[in-house]
Protein backbone atom coordinates (compact mmCIF):
# COMPACT_ATOMS: atom_id res chain seq x y z
CA UNK A 1 0.02 -0.14 0.03
CA UNK A 2 2.22 2.95 -1.15
CA UNK A 3 0.84 6.17 0.07
CA UNK A 4 0.67 8.56 2.97
CA UNK A 5 0.29 7.82 6.72
CA UNK A 6 -0.39 9.96 9.80
CA UNK A 7 0.25 8.94 13.38
CA UNK A 8 -2.03 10.53 16.02
CA UNK A 9 0.04 10.47 19.26
CA UNK A 10 -2.01 12.94 21.29
CA UNK A 11 -2.03 10.05 23.89
CA UNK A 12 1.55 9.13 23.62
CA UNK A 13 3.47 6.24 21.95
CA UNK A 14 4.66 2.92 22.93
CA UNK A 15 5.87 -0.21 20.96
CA UNK A 16 2.71 -2.20 21.86
CA UNK A 17 0.50 0.66 20.85
CA UNK A 18 2.30 0.95 17.56
CA UNK A 19 1.79 -2.72 17.07
CA UNK A 20 -1.75 -2.53 17.67
CA UNK A 21 -2.36 0.29 15.21
CA UNK A 22 -0.50 -1.45 12.51
CA UNK A 23 -2.64 -4.65 13.11
CA UNK A 24 -5.87 -2.46 13.12
CA UNK A 25 -4.72 -0.81 9.87
CA UNK A 26 -4.55 -4.16 8.14
CA UNK A 27 -0.98 -5.45 8.70
CA UNK A 28 -1.25 -9.39 9.00
CA UNK A 29 -0.21 -10.51 12.47
CA UNK A 30 1.84 -13.18 10.72
CA UNK A 31 4.02 -10.47 9.33
CA UNK A 32 4.99 -9.15 12.74
CA UNK A 33 5.30 -12.72 14.27
CA UNK A 34 7.76 -13.81 11.54
CA UNK A 35 9.93 -10.93 11.96
CA UNK A 36 9.90 -11.24 15.82
CA UNK A 37 10.64 -14.91 15.73
CA UNK A 38 13.58 -14.43 13.40
CA UNK A 39 15.21 -12.23 16.08
CA UNK A 40 14.12 -13.29 19.61
CA UNK A 41 16.66 -15.58 21.32
CA UNK A 42 14.02 -16.73 23.68
CA UNK A 43 10.34 -17.44 23.16
CA UNK A 44 8.07 -14.43 22.48
CA UNK A 45 4.35 -14.43 21.81
CA UNK A 46 2.27 -11.91 20.22
CA UNK A 47 -1.49 -11.99 21.36
CA UNK A 48 -4.11 -9.73 19.81
CA UNK A 49 -7.23 -8.66 21.33
CA UNK A 50 -10.11 -6.16 20.59
CA UNK A 51 -10.51 -3.82 23.66
CA UNK A 52 -12.20 -0.75 24.66
CA UNK A 53 -10.35 2.33 25.87
CA UNK A 54 -12.62 5.01 27.43
CA UNK A 55 -15.42 3.73 25.31
CA UNK A 56 -13.51 3.58 21.96
CA UNK A 57 -12.79 0.43 20.19
CA UNK A 58 -9.07 -0.43 19.94
CA UNK A 59 -6.61 -3.28 19.12
CA UNK A 60 -4.35 -4.31 21.99
CA UNK A 61 -1.26 -6.45 21.08
CA UNK A 62 0.26 -8.21 24.08
CA UNK A 63 3.90 -9.08 23.83
CA UNK A 64 4.39 -12.16 26.26
CA UNK A 65 7.81 -13.45 27.10
CA UNK A 66 9.16 -15.84 29.74
CA UNK A 67 11.09 -14.56 32.74
CA UNK A 68 14.71 -13.92 31.69
CA UNK A 69 17.84 -12.62 33.68
CA UNK A 70 19.83 -11.97 30.45
CA UNK A 71 21.29 -8.50 30.40
CA UNK A 72 21.95 -7.15 26.92
CA UNK A 73 24.13 -4.36 25.67
CA UNK A 74 23.69 -2.35 22.39
CA UNK A 75 26.49 -4.47 21.03
CA UNK A 76 24.43 -7.65 22.07
CA UNK A 77 21.35 -6.48 20.40
CA UNK A 78 23.17 -5.36 17.14
CA UNK A 79 24.63 -8.86 16.96
CA UNK A 80 21.08 -10.41 17.26
CA UNK A 81 19.74 -8.17 14.40
CA UNK A 82 22.67 -8.81 12.15
CA UNK A 83 22.43 -12.51 12.47
CA UNK A 84 18.71 -12.73 12.12
CA UNK A 85 17.03 -13.84 8.82
CA UNK A 86 15.21 -10.65 8.38
CA UNK A 87 14.27 -8.35 5.24
CA UNK A 88 17.06 -5.85 4.97
CA UNK A 89 14.62 -3.00 5.31
CA UNK A 90 13.36 -4.24 8.49
CA UNK A 91 16.85 -4.87 9.85
CA UNK A 92 18.10 -1.50 8.89
CA UNK A 93 15.04 0.20 10.77
CA UNK A 94 15.55 -1.85 13.88
CA UNK A 95 19.18 -1.11 13.94
CA UNK A 96 18.66 2.57 13.57
CA UNK A 97 15.98 2.63 16.38
CA UNK A 98 18.11 0.71 18.86
CA UNK A 99 21.22 3.00 17.82
CA UNK A 100 19.10 6.07 18.75
CA UNK A 101 18.23 4.50 22.05
CA UNK A 102 21.71 3.56 22.76
CA UNK A 103 22.91 7.07 21.83
CA UNK A 104 20.31 8.66 24.06
CA UNK A 105 21.15 6.40 27.06
CA UNK A 106 24.99 6.84 26.54
CA UNK A 107 24.37 10.75 26.88
CA UNK A 108 22.09 10.48 29.71
CA UNK A 109 24.39 8.18 31.86
CA UNK A 110 27.61 9.49 30.52
CA UNK A 111 29.05 6.06 29.10
CA UNK A 112 30.00 4.71 25.64
CA UNK A 113 26.98 3.57 23.55
CA UNK A 114 28.41 0.00 23.11
CA UNK A 115 28.53 -0.36 26.91
CA UNK A 116 24.92 0.82 27.46
CA UNK A 117 22.91 -1.81 29.41
CA UNK A 118 19.37 -1.17 28.06
CA UNK A 119 17.42 -2.45 31.37
CA UNK A 120 13.79 -2.25 30.30
CA UNK A 121 14.62 -1.29 26.56
CA UNK A 122 16.91 -4.34 26.30
CA UNK A 123 14.23 -6.82 27.45
CA UNK A 124 12.76 -9.25 25.09
CA UNK A 125 9.45 -7.33 24.85
CA UNK A 126 11.16 -4.09 23.60
CA UNK A 127 13.07 -6.21 20.96
CA UNK A 128 9.74 -7.56 19.92
CA UNK A 129 8.37 -4.07 19.75
CA UNK A 130 10.86 -2.56 17.64
CA UNK A 131 11.42 -5.50 15.17
CA UNK A 132 7.62 -6.11 14.90
CA UNK A 133 6.82 -2.34 14.19
CA UNK A 134 9.64 -2.13 11.81
CA UNK A 135 8.20 -5.25 9.87
CA UNK A 136 4.76 -3.46 10.02
CA UNK A 137 5.73 -0.26 8.44
CA UNK A 138 7.98 -2.00 5.82
CA UNK A 139 4.89 -4.01 4.89
CA UNK A 140 2.66 -0.85 4.56
CA UNK A 141 5.42 0.74 2.22
CA UNK A 142 4.26 4.14 2.88
CA UNK A 143 5.99 6.86 0.82
CA UNK A 144 5.56 9.48 3.63
CA UNK A 145 4.77 9.23 7.21
CA UNK A 146 3.75 12.40 9.33
CA UNK A 147 3.42 12.21 13.15
CA UNK A 148 1.48 14.77 15.33
CA UNK A 149 3.25 16.40 18.10
CA UNK A 150 3.91 13.99 20.99
CA UNK A 151 2.08 13.80 24.20
CA UNK A 152 4.47 12.90 27.17
CA UNK A 153 2.17 12.71 29.92
CA UNK A 154 3.20 13.73 33.39
CA UNK A 155 3.81 12.79 37.05
CA UNK A 156 6.70 10.33 37.90
CA UNK A 157 7.54 6.92 36.94
CA UNK A 158 9.75 4.14 38.44
CA UNK A 159 12.69 2.80 36.14
CA UNK A 160 15.91 0.75 36.90
CA UNK A 161 17.47 3.81 38.28
CA UNK A 162 14.77 4.82 40.51
CA UNK A 163 11.88 7.24 40.37
CA UNK A 164 12.10 10.17 37.83
CA UNK A 165 9.82 12.60 36.30
CA UNK A 166 7.98 12.26 33.07
CA UNK A 167 9.34 12.39 30.48
CA UNK A 168 12.17 10.17 31.43
CA UNK A 169 15.67 11.27 30.55
CA UNK A 170 15.93 9.07 27.52
CA UNK A 171 12.68 10.28 26.20
CA UNK A 172 13.64 13.84 26.65
CA UNK A 173 16.75 13.31 24.89
CA UNK A 174 15.27 11.36 21.85
CA UNK A 175 12.63 14.03 21.24
CA UNK A 176 15.13 16.88 21.04
CA UNK A 177 14.14 18.97 18.10
CA UNK A 178 10.70 17.40 17.90
CA UNK A 179 7.35 19.00 18.99
CA UNK A 180 6.14 17.59 22.09
CA UNK A 181 4.12 18.55 25.19
CA UNK A 182 3.14 17.55 28.71
CA UNK A 183 -0.12 15.88 29.63
CA UNK A 184 -2.76 15.45 29.00
CA UNK A 185 -2.80 13.11 32.16
CA UNK A 186 -0.26 12.29 34.91
CA UNK A 187 1.04 9.04 33.45
CA UNK A 188 3.88 7.99 31.38
CA UNK A 189 2.27 8.15 27.88
CA UNK A 190 5.55 7.97 25.68
CA UNK A 191 8.11 5.33 26.34
CA UNK A 192 11.75 5.57 25.23
CA UNK A 193 10.90 2.75 22.62
CA UNK A 194 8.00 4.61 21.46
CA UNK A 195 10.13 7.88 21.22
CA UNK A 196 12.77 6.14 19.30
CA UNK A 197 10.40 4.36 16.76
CA UNK A 198 8.76 7.91 16.07
CA UNK A 199 11.94 9.75 15.40
CA UNK A 200 13.14 6.96 13.04
CA UNK A 201 9.88 6.33 11.20
CA UNK A 202 8.38 9.88 10.65
CA UNK A 203 9.35 12.03 7.92
CA UNK A 204 7.85 14.99 9.62
CA UNK A 205 5.95 16.14 12.52
CA UNK A 206 2.73 18.18 12.34
CA UNK A 207 -1.09 18.07 11.54
CA UNK A 208 -2.62 15.50 9.37
CA UNK A 209 -1.36 15.91 5.71
CA UNK A 210 -3.88 16.33 3.02
CA UNK A 211 -4.90 12.73 2.12
CA UNK A 212 -7.57 10.36 1.22
CA UNK A 213 -7.84 8.01 4.19
CA UNK A 214 -8.37 4.35 3.33
CA UNK A 215 -7.83 2.69 6.55
CA UNK A 216 -7.54 3.36 10.25
CA UNK A 217 -5.69 1.44 12.83
CA UNK A 218 -6.36 2.26 16.62
CA UNK A 219 -3.70 0.67 18.96
CA UNK A 220 -4.45 0.41 22.74
CA UNK A 221 -2.13 1.24 25.61
CA UNK A 222 -2.12 -1.10 28.62
CA UNK A 223 -3.93 1.12 30.94
CA UNK A 224 -7.61 2.58 30.51
CA UNK A 225 -7.60 5.78 32.75
CA UNK A 226 -11.03 7.26 33.25
CA UNK A 227 -11.75 10.19 31.08
CA UNK A 228 -8.94 9.74 28.75
CA UNK A 229 -8.67 7.43 25.64
CA UNK A 230 -5.19 5.83 25.93
CA UNK A 231 -4.86 4.94 22.15
CA UNK A 232 -2.55 5.75 19.12
CA UNK A 233 -3.99 6.04 15.83
CA UNK A 234 -2.70 5.44 12.37
CA UNK A 235 -4.33 6.68 9.28
CA UNK A 236 -3.17 5.22 5.98
CA UNK A 237 -4.28 6.22 2.43
CA UNK A 238 -3.16 8.36 -0.62
CA UNK A 239 -1.76 11.79 -0.40
CA UNK A 240 -3.39 14.54 -2.37
CA UNK A 241 -2.55 17.95 -3.43
CA UNK A 242 -4.66 20.74 -1.97
CA UNK A 243 -3.98 23.25 -4.75
CA UNK A 244 -4.45 23.47 -8.35
CA UNK A 245 -0.99 24.80 -8.90
CA UNK A 246 2.45 22.91 -9.25
CA UNK A 247 6.00 23.66 -8.14
CA UNK A 248 7.40 24.59 -4.78
CA UNK A 249 6.86 22.28 -1.84
CA UNK A 250 3.46 20.51 -1.24
CA UNK A 251 0.90 21.91 0.75
CA UNK A 252 1.62 21.04 4.36
CA UNK A 253 5.07 22.20 4.06
CA UNK A 254 7.13 22.76 7.20
CA UNK A 255 8.46 26.09 8.49
CA UNK A 256 11.70 25.59 10.70
CA UNK A 257 12.81 28.43 12.80
CA UNK A 258 15.70 29.10 15.33
CA UNK A 259 16.96 32.25 17.00
CA UNK A 260 20.62 32.61 16.88
CA UNK A 261 22.72 35.08 18.68
CA UNK A 262 26.23 33.62 18.82
CA UNK A 263 27.12 32.67 15.09
CA UNK A 264 29.82 34.51 13.20
CA UNK A 265 27.54 36.61 10.70
CA UNK A 266 30.04 35.72 7.91
CA UNK A 267 28.86 32.28 7.93
CA UNK A 268 25.22 32.80 7.18
CA UNK A 269 25.41 32.80 3.37
CA UNK A 270 27.04 29.44 3.63
CA UNK A 271 24.65 28.11 5.98
CA UNK A 272 21.73 29.11 3.69
CA UNK A 273 23.45 27.51 0.69
CA UNK A 274 23.82 24.34 2.73
CA UNK A 275 20.07 24.40 3.63
CA UNK A 276 18.98 24.79 0.10
CA UNK A 277 21.46 22.03 -0.91
CA UNK A 278 19.85 19.80 1.46
CA UNK A 279 16.38 20.44 0.22
CA UNK A 280 14.81 23.56 1.60
CA UNK A 281 12.73 25.52 -0.97
CA UNK A 282 13.71 28.73 0.93
CA UNK A 283 15.79 30.02 3.68
CA UNK A 284 16.20 33.55 5.02
CA UNK A 285 17.15 35.79 7.97
CA UNK A 286 15.20 38.29 10.15
CA UNK A 287 17.36 40.67 12.35
CA UNK A 288 16.10 40.47 15.89
CA UNK A 289 16.97 42.02 19.28
CA UNK A 290 16.89 39.26 22.18
CA UNK A 291 17.09 39.53 25.84
CA UNK A 292 19.66 41.74 27.39
CA UNK A 293 19.63 43.72 24.15
CA UNK A 294 21.90 41.14 22.21
CA UNK A 295 21.49 41.41 18.44
CA UNK A 296 20.58 38.34 16.71
CA UNK A 297 18.88 36.73 13.78
CA UNK A 298 16.02 34.25 13.26
CA UNK A 299 16.67 31.74 10.67
CA UNK A 300 13.60 30.72 8.63
CA UNK A 301 13.47 27.68 6.57
CA UNK A 302 10.62 26.43 4.38
CA UNK A 303 10.90 22.85 3.53
CA UNK A 304 8.65 19.99 2.05
CA UNK A 305 7.99 17.26 4.58
CA UNK A 306 10.00 14.50 2.76
CA UNK A 307 13.05 16.77 3.07
CA UNK A 308 12.44 17.95 6.62
CA UNK A 309 14.84 15.57 8.42
CA UNK A 310 17.83 16.34 6.13
CA UNK A 311 17.32 20.16 6.44
CA UNK A 312 16.77 19.91 10.22
CA UNK A 313 20.08 17.99 10.39
CA UNK A 314 21.86 20.79 8.45
CA UNK A 315 20.37 23.49 10.82
CA UNK A 316 22.01 21.73 13.73
CA UNK A 317 25.15 21.08 11.86
CA UNK A 318 25.83 24.51 10.32
CA UNK A 319 24.60 26.70 13.11
CA UNK A 320 25.06 27.11 16.76
CA UNK A 321 21.53 26.52 17.73
CA UNK A 322 20.58 23.67 19.98
CA UNK A 323 16.76 23.73 19.27
CA UNK A 324 14.27 24.50 16.52
CA UNK A 325 10.62 25.30 16.27
CA UNK A 326 8.43 24.06 13.72
CA UNK A 327 4.88 24.56 12.26
CA UNK A 328 3.01 23.19 9.28
CA UNK A 329 1.97 25.69 6.51
CA UNK A 330 -0.44 25.19 3.59
CA UNK A 331 1.48 26.66 0.55
CA UNK A 332 -0.36 27.63 -2.62
CA UNK A 333 2.28 28.28 -5.41
CA UNK A 334 1.50 29.24 -9.03
CA UNK A 335 2.43 26.70 -11.80
CA UNK A 336 5.87 27.81 -13.18
CA UNK A 337 8.24 27.09 -15.95
CA UNK A 338 11.50 28.21 -17.29
CA UNK A 339 12.14 29.60 -20.67
CA UNK A 340 15.15 31.09 -22.51
CA UNK A 341 15.30 34.20 -24.46
CA UNK A 342 18.26 35.74 -26.38
CA UNK A 343 19.46 39.18 -25.84
CA UNK A 344 21.97 40.12 -28.50
CA UNK A 345 22.95 36.48 -28.71
CA UNK A 346 23.36 35.95 -24.88
CA UNK A 347 20.94 33.45 -23.20
CA UNK A 348 18.83 34.59 -20.35
CA UNK A 349 16.76 32.20 -18.42
CA UNK A 350 13.25 33.63 -17.49
CA UNK A 351 10.92 32.06 -14.94
CA UNK A 352 7.15 32.29 -15.89
CA UNK A 353 4.19 31.86 -13.47
CA UNK A 354 0.70 31.27 -14.61
CA UNK A 355 -2.76 31.37 -12.92
CA UNK A 356 -5.17 29.10 -14.75
CA UNK A 357 -2.98 29.33 -17.75
CA UNK A 358 -2.73 33.17 -17.68
CA UNK A 359 0.67 34.63 -17.47
CA UNK A 360 0.75 36.62 -14.30
CA UNK A 361 4.57 37.01 -13.52
CA UNK A 362 7.85 36.68 -15.15
CA UNK A 363 11.25 37.24 -13.85
CA UNK A 364 14.59 36.90 -15.75
CA UNK A 365 17.18 35.14 -13.68
CA UNK A 366 19.59 37.86 -12.46
CA UNK A 367 22.66 36.13 -12.73
CA UNK A 368 22.15 35.55 -16.44
CA UNK A 369 21.08 39.18 -16.92
CA UNK A 370 24.28 40.48 -15.14
CA UNK A 371 26.52 38.03 -17.22
CA UNK A 372 24.84 39.36 -20.50
CA UNK A 373 25.07 42.96 -19.41
CA UNK A 374 28.86 42.66 -18.62
CA UNK A 375 29.59 40.81 -22.00
CA UNK A 376 27.71 43.36 -23.92
CA UNK A 377 28.95 46.32 -21.93
CA UNK A 378 25.29 47.54 -21.43
CA UNK A 379 23.59 48.74 -18.41
CA UNK A 380 22.02 45.84 -16.34
CA UNK A 381 18.64 47.59 -16.13
CA UNK A 382 18.60 47.68 -19.88
CA UNK A 383 19.22 43.99 -20.40
CA UNK A 384 16.68 43.26 -17.55
CA UNK A 385 13.95 45.23 -19.41
CA UNK A 386 14.61 43.74 -22.69
CA UNK A 387 14.76 40.01 -21.55
CA UNK A 388 11.28 40.82 -19.82
CA UNK A 389 9.84 42.24 -23.05
CA UNK A 390 11.11 39.39 -25.08
CA UNK A 391 9.70 36.70 -22.77
CA UNK A 392 6.34 38.37 -22.66
CA UNK A 393 6.27 38.67 -26.40
CA UNK A 394 7.28 35.22 -26.94
CA UNK A 395 5.47 33.44 -24.26
CA UNK A 396 2.87 35.67 -22.94
């Protein structure tokens, strides 16, 4: 089923909730079981039940394992995945999820990633969650997956290192740069496994994209708190365009922003060039004044959802910011095309924009105009005007 998917994680995310949503969306349970059996070094069972969560029907996937005292590091889990008879795409996804988890735990505890003992995450049920979810999404073969902002819950939870506040440290680390929020109940709603799966699987975070929904899977969490439906929804179908125009990023493009006050300003042209090379459709700066009167810039980036992860990485790599904010925009772009005109034998590219077939804007490429003006020893403004007139007469 190639197409578009949207994850509603307004009640958080965990491995078993994602498994339930996949099954509810039509992924055969045997797809998940086959992948899990290929990896699990000890017996693991997946049991599926139809349940109710605060009055809503949902699919609950129980992962049942025998008691085990085996401690596993990231290196141990990597060896299990490398040796398993898995589809390459499933293996790659599962490896990336556990790598993210290992890196997060390493930063939290100040140790090397290969030495991380995963505690709860390294347990058999979490291995089953990761591999099963990876197999399910590979089966769906979505071209694009968007995830809503992540609900974290609240209160405290007991982990192997004692009682900590929600979100637990690994979740807070994993969701850096991802929109998230506390609540809506004082329970742990997003687990480390769930957070790692979201950041690896999702192409973008935001509202439901424009799509024709064909199937809905509702995965149930283990608890059923009064007044709150503890479920995760997966909507899958075909993406659609919301406008009659073409070109530029699709409707639902992301705006990425960051305020930066400590970057050498000479670097900004290279930063913007790197973002455009990574797939941004536009990038620009706004001068601002921050607290204590510090001069700074707001970096604005507009990017299609399928390139958002690459561009987001470049923002962090190329600038000194340690966080970004994002929002989804509906963009309506005119249909456009490029043509060429000849000004005294020198080619000048011209971008034309049309509304319902009518030419409403045209603009010669300035670099071509400047080069022609230099070669012809003519004023740039004259060459610009001639190129515009030629384009209108030939293509208007």
